[in-house]
Amino acid sequence: MLKNHFFYSAIDNKNIVVTRAQSQAKSFGEKLERHGAHVLYLPLIQIEKNAAIQCPNNLEDFDWLLLTSVNAVHYFSQCLEKMQKSWADIAHCRVAVIGEATKKAAESQGLVPEVLPEPYVASALLKSLFTAEQHPIGKRILYPKGNLANPEIECALKIRGMDVSSVICYETKHRRITPDEAKTLSAFKPHIVTFFSPSAVHSFMASRLNRSVLSAIQPVVYASIGPVTSRALFEARLDPVVEADLQTEDALIDGLNDYYAKRGEHYRN
């Protein structure tokens, strides 16, 4: 892809590894390339539909719909279709979401999110939801989620007396990295490795890929989509970490540009 010749970018000519699942990586990689970066796609996780998913029949009984990721929207759509239902069957629900991308995905299905906390983390979501819902006891929440979802949300809702029906609609699995892929990563000599989930960090460490980047031209920068992923990086002792101000692809790119610009590493596209 041709880069944009009409703006400066501090990540021009940087070697950047994109570790997102294959189905989600292309958009981000193309944005990086427009900034002049060289991209290596190395998916560390794979996301699959939960084959045993069961969609509740009594959708009309729910008061709230909780969506914490784009994946939840995507895979719950398949759940609804399987049961010959649609988003219209839960259009009466009040909607809480985490993240701008999730908000847009929900809106694309005709939903109107009422709760969108900042920062985009579980604690902020709970605070915002309980501010919006003055009488939580007995309220029914439909919570489509992945198999690795943070249990904090569901536990906190139940403690406040809410009736939570969680639906595991997708599964996040570590992807096995081949020896050839590890060699390719080492030869790529990355400046930056990007992460969009703690699961990707855990997969990176399980595959010992931190050793594969030791031959890099300079210390590798680890780019994180948000605080939960950053925590996983810190726990793995991977640093320095650049964290996006907002949990979006564009914000992560902006954060990387700011990081290198402050180091005086300007390049003309």
Protein backbone atom coordinates (compact mmCIF):
# COMPACT_ATOMS: atom_id res chain seq x y z
CA MET A 1 0.00 0.00 0.00
CA LEU A 2 1.28 3.48 -0.86
CA LYS A 3 2.00 5.79 2.00
CA ASN A 4 0.61 9.28 2.23
CA HIS A 5 3.13 11.81 0.94
CA PHE A 6 1.35 14.82 2.41
CA PHE A 7 2.12 14.52 6.11
CA TYR A 8 4.98 13.82 8.47
CA SER A 9 4.95 10.67 10.55
CA ALA A 10 7.40 9.71 13.27
CA ILE A 11 6.78 6.00 12.60
CA ASP A 12 7.83 6.25 8.96
CA ASN A 13 10.26 3.42 8.16
CA LYS A 14 9.60 1.68 11.48
CA ASN A 15 9.23 -2.12 11.53
CA ILE A 16 5.97 -2.86 13.33
CA VAL A 17 4.53 -6.25 14.29
CA VAL A 18 0.73 -6.59 14.29
CA THR A 19 -0.35 -9.40 16.63
CA ARG A 20 -4.13 -9.12 16.27
CA ALA A 21 -6.21 -12.08 15.16
CA GLN A 22 -6.04 -12.51 11.40
CA SER A 23 -9.65 -11.41 10.91
CA GLN A 24 -8.95 -8.06 12.61
CA ALA A 25 -5.40 -7.24 11.58
CA LYS A 26 -5.72 -5.88 8.04
CA SER A 27 -7.33 -2.53 8.84
CA PHE A 28 -4.72 -1.67 11.45
CA GLY A 29 -1.83 -2.82 9.27
CA GLU A 30 -2.98 -0.70 6.35
CA LYS A 31 -3.19 2.38 8.58
CA LEU A 32 0.37 1.78 9.73
CA GLU A 33 1.53 1.41 6.13
CA ARG A 34 -0.08 4.75 5.25
CA HIS A 35 2.22 6.23 7.89
CA GLY A 36 5.19 4.68 6.11
CA ALA A 37 5.72 1.76 8.49
CA HIS A 38 6.79 -1.73 7.45
CA VAL A 39 4.31 -4.28 8.80
CA LEU A 40 4.71 -7.91 9.80
CA TYR A 41 1.48 -9.77 10.53
CA LEU A 42 1.95 -12.30 13.31
CA PRO A 43 -1.43 -13.24 14.83
CA LEU A 44 -0.92 -14.52 18.36
CA ILE A 45 -4.53 -15.41 19.07
CA GLN A 46 -7.45 -16.80 17.14
CA ILE A 47 -11.07 -16.00 17.84
CA GLU A 48 -13.72 -18.61 17.16
CA LYS A 49 -17.46 -18.90 17.58
CA ASN A 50 -18.52 -20.95 20.56
CA ALA A 51 -20.03 -24.00 18.89
CA ALA A 52 -22.16 -24.77 21.94
CA ILE A 53 -23.66 -21.30 22.22
CA GLN A 54 -27.28 -21.03 23.34
CA CYS A 55 -29.18 -17.79 22.90
CA PRO A 56 -31.85 -17.06 25.55
CA ASN A 57 -35.40 -17.46 24.31
CA ASN A 58 -36.89 -14.81 26.58
CA LEU A 59 -35.14 -11.76 25.15
CA GLU A 60 -38.12 -9.57 25.92
CA ASP A 61 -37.52 -10.05 29.66
CA PHE A 62 -34.14 -8.30 29.79
CA ASP A 63 -33.69 -4.72 31.01
CA TRP A 64 -30.05 -4.18 30.03
CA LEU A 65 -27.69 -5.36 27.32
CA LEU A 66 -23.98 -5.25 28.16
CA LEU A 67 -21.45 -5.29 25.30
CA THR A 68 -17.75 -5.10 26.11
CA SER A 69 -16.16 -5.75 22.71
CA VAL A 70 -16.73 -5.72 18.97
CA ASN A 71 -16.36 -9.49 19.08
CA ALA A 72 -19.32 -9.71 21.45
CA VAL A 73 -21.46 -7.82 18.94
CA HIS A 74 -20.26 -9.88 15.99
CA TYR A 75 -20.63 -13.31 17.54
CA PHE A 76 -23.87 -12.57 19.37
CA SER A 77 -25.31 -11.62 15.99
CA GLN A 78 -24.62 -15.19 14.90
CA CYS A 79 -26.26 -16.46 18.07
CA LEU A 80 -29.39 -14.46 17.30
CA GLU A 81 -29.48 -15.72 13.73
CA LYS A 82 -29.13 -19.31 14.92
CA MET A 83 -32.24 -18.84 17.09
CA GLN A 84 -34.05 -17.03 14.24
CA LYS A 85 -34.04 -13.82 16.22
CA SER A 86 -32.58 -10.36 15.59
CA TRP A 87 -31.29 -7.30 17.39
CA ALA A 88 -34.80 -5.89 17.10
CA ASP A 89 -35.85 -8.42 19.73
CA ILE A 90 -33.67 -6.64 22.30
CA ALA A 91 -34.07 -3.08 21.03
CA HIS A 92 -36.08 -2.28 24.17
CA CYS A 93 -33.02 -2.86 26.38
CA ARG A 94 -30.89 -0.12 27.81
CA VAL A 95 -27.39 -0.60 26.43
CA ALA A 96 -23.99 -0.29 28.11
CA VAL A 97 -20.77 -0.67 26.12
CA ILE A 98 -17.02 -0.45 26.60
CA GLY A 99 -15.05 1.34 23.91
CA GLU A 100 -15.75 3.53 20.91
CA ALA A 101 -15.37 0.64 18.48
CA THR A 102 -17.94 -1.40 20.42
CA LYS A 103 -20.28 1.61 20.42
CA LYS A 104 -20.04 1.86 16.63
CA ALA A 105 -20.62 -1.87 16.23
CA ALA A 106 -23.70 -1.66 18.45
CA GLU A 107 -25.03 1.34 16.56
CA SER A 108 -24.58 -0.55 13.28
CA GLN A 109 -27.14 -3.02 14.64
CA GLY A 110 -29.64 -0.27 15.43
CA LEU A 111 -28.84 -0.09 19.14
CA VAL A 112 -28.46 3.17 21.07
CA PRO A 113 -25.77 2.87 23.77
CA GLU A 114 -26.68 4.77 26.91
CA VAL A 115 -23.60 4.01 28.99
CA LEU A 116 -20.13 4.57 27.49
CA PRO A 117 -17.57 5.07 30.26
CA GLU A 118 -14.14 6.66 30.10
CA PRO A 119 -11.64 5.21 30.58
CA TYR A 120 -12.71 2.10 28.75
CA VAL A 121 -12.23 -0.31 31.66
CA ALA A 122 -14.48 -2.52 33.78
CA SER A 123 -14.42 -0.34 36.90
CA ALA A 124 -15.50 2.74 34.95
CA LEU A 125 -18.26 0.77 33.24
CA LEU A 126 -19.65 -0.41 36.56
CA LYS A 127 -19.58 3.09 38.02
CA SER A 128 -21.36 4.54 34.99
CA LEU A 129 -23.93 1.76 34.86
CA PHE A 130 -24.86 2.08 38.52
CA THR A 131 -25.16 5.84 38.06
CA ALA A 132 -27.59 5.27 35.19
CA GLU A 133 -29.48 2.49 36.96
CA GLN A 134 -30.76 3.84 40.25
CA HIS A 135 -32.65 0.64 41.15
CA PRO A 136 -30.44 -2.29 40.15
CA ILE A 137 -31.99 -4.98 42.36
CA GLY A 138 -33.84 -7.52 40.23
CA LYS A 139 -32.94 -5.90 36.91
CA ARG A 140 -32.03 -8.45 34.26
CA ILE A 141 -28.84 -8.06 32.24
CA LEU A 142 -27.94 -9.92 29.07
CA TYR A 143 -24.16 -10.18 28.84
CA PRO A 144 -22.68 -11.71 25.64
CA LYS A 145 -18.98 -12.29 26.21
CA GLY A 146 -15.87 -14.31 25.43
CA ASN A 147 -14.50 -17.22 27.40
CA LEU A 148 -11.73 -15.03 28.85
CA ALA A 149 -13.94 -12.12 29.92
CA ASN A 150 -13.01 -10.33 33.13
CA PRO A 151 -15.15 -11.88 35.93
CA GLU A 152 -15.11 -8.57 37.82
CA ILE A 153 -18.04 -7.19 35.86
CA GLU A 154 -20.41 -10.10 36.38
CA CYS A 155 -19.52 -10.44 40.07
CA ALA A 156 -20.08 -6.74 40.76
CA LEU A 157 -23.46 -6.76 39.01
CA LYS A 158 -24.63 -9.76 41.03
CA ILE A 159 -23.45 -8.21 44.29
CA ARG A 160 -25.72 -5.24 43.55
CA GLY A 161 -28.66 -7.61 43.10
CA MET A 162 -28.84 -7.71 39.32
CA ASP A 163 -29.84 -10.91 37.52
CA VAL A 164 -27.06 -11.58 34.99
CA SER A 165 -27.45 -13.99 32.07
CA SER A 166 -24.02 -14.37 30.51
CA VAL A 167 -23.66 -15.96 27.09
CA ILE A 168 -20.21 -17.15 26.03
CA CYS A 169 -20.53 -16.51 22.31
CA TYR A 170 -16.86 -16.66 21.30
CA GLU A 171 -13.60 -18.22 22.42
CA THR A 172 -10.14 -16.67 22.38
CA LYS A 173 -7.36 -19.21 21.93
CA HIS A 174 -3.60 -18.92 21.80
CA ARG A 175 -2.27 -19.57 18.33
CA ARG A 176 0.72 -21.88 17.98
CA ILE A 177 3.69 -20.06 16.46
CA THR A 178 5.80 -22.12 14.10
CA PRO A 179 9.63 -22.11 14.19
CA ASP A 180 9.64 -20.42 10.77
CA GLU A 181 7.42 -17.62 12.07
CA ALA A 182 9.75 -17.09 15.02
CA LYS A 183 12.70 -16.86 12.63
CA THR A 184 10.81 -14.40 10.44
CA LEU A 185 10.10 -12.24 13.47
CA SER A 186 13.76 -12.24 14.46
CA ALA A 187 14.89 -11.36 10.92
CA PHE A 188 12.30 -8.56 10.73
CA LYS A 189 14.12 -6.74 13.56
CA PRO A 190 11.03 -4.96 14.87
CA HIS A 191 11.04 -1.51 16.39
CA ILE A 192 7.49 -1.96 17.72
CA VAL A 193 5.25 -4.87 18.70
CA THR A 194 1.55 -4.02 19.07
CA PHE A 195 -0.92 -5.69 21.41
CA PHE A 196 -4.71 -5.42 21.58
CA SER A 197 -5.41 -7.81 24.46
CA PRO A 198 -3.80 -9.44 27.48
CA SER A 199 -4.34 -12.78 25.70
CA ALA A 200 -1.95 -11.71 22.95
CA VAL A 201 0.67 -10.78 25.55
CA HIS A 202 0.30 -14.15 27.24
CA SER A 203 0.63 -15.93 23.89
CA PHE A 204 3.73 -13.85 23.07
CA MET A 205 5.39 -14.94 26.28
CA ALA A 206 4.23 -18.57 26.05
CA SER A 207 5.84 -18.78 22.60
CA ARG A 208 9.00 -17.11 23.99
CA LEU A 209 8.85 -14.51 21.26
CA ASN A 210 10.43 -11.98 23.60
CA ARG A 211 13.66 -13.84 22.81
CA SER A 212 13.03 -13.54 19.07
CA VAL A 213 13.02 -9.74 19.22
CA LEU A 214 16.29 -9.45 21.15
CA SER A 215 18.17 -9.11 17.87
CA ALA A 216 16.26 -5.94 17.05
CA ILE A 217 18.13 -2.83 15.93
CA GLN A 218 17.26 -1.10 19.20
CA PRO A 219 15.16 -1.85 22.30
CA VAL A 220 11.68 -2.86 21.17
CA VAL A 221 8.73 -0.63 22.05
CA TYR A 222 5.58 -2.47 23.12
CA ALA A 223 2.38 -0.72 22.07
CA SER A 224 -0.78 -1.34 24.10
CA ILE A 225 -4.42 -0.63 23.27
CA GLY A 226 -5.31 0.14 26.89
CA PRO A 227 -4.63 -0.23 30.63
CA VAL A 228 -5.59 -3.90 30.96
CA THR A 229 -3.22 -4.90 28.16
CA SER A 230 -0.54 -2.59 29.57
CA ARG A 231 -0.81 -4.34 32.93
CA ALA A 232 -0.16 -7.68 31.22
CA LEU A 233 2.92 -6.20 29.53
CA PHE A 234 4.27 -4.82 32.80
CA GLU A 235 3.66 -8.15 34.54
CA ALA A 236 5.64 -9.82 31.74
CA ARG A 237 8.39 -7.21 32.25
CA LEU A 238 8.08 -5.99 28.69
CA ASP A 239 8.92 -2.30 28.38
CA PRO A 240 8.92 0.48 27.35
CA VAL A 241 5.16 0.53 26.83
CA VAL A 242 3.25 3.09 24.77
CA GLU A 243 -0.45 3.07 25.68
CA ALA A 244 -3.26 4.52 23.57
CA ASP A 245 -5.18 7.38 25.19
CA LEU A 246 -8.38 5.87 23.79
CA GLN A 247 -8.84 2.22 22.95
CA THR A 248 -8.85 2.68 19.18
CA GLU A 249 -6.43 1.87 16.38
CA ASP A 250 -6.03 5.55 15.51
CA ALA A 251 -5.28 6.51 19.11
CA LEU A 252 -2.60 3.83 19.31
CA ILE A 253 -0.97 5.14 16.14
CA ASP A 254 -1.15 8.68 17.53
CA GLY A 255 0.52 7.48 20.73
CA LEU A 256 3.37 5.90 18.79
CA ASN A 257 3.82 9.03 16.70
CA ASP A 258 3.96 11.15 19.85
CA TYR A 259 6.46 8.78 21.47
CA TYR A 260 8.91 8.89 18.58
CA ALA A 261 8.34 12.59 17.89
CA LYS A 262 9.38 13.38 21.46
CA ARG A 263 12.53 11.36 20.86
CA GLY A 264 13.25 13.52 17.83
CA GLU A 265 12.67 10.70 15.37
CA HIS A 266 10.85 12.56 12.59
CA TYR A 267 10.72 11.15 9.11
CA ARG A 268 9.10 12.58 6.06
CA ASN A 269 6.50 10.41 4.32
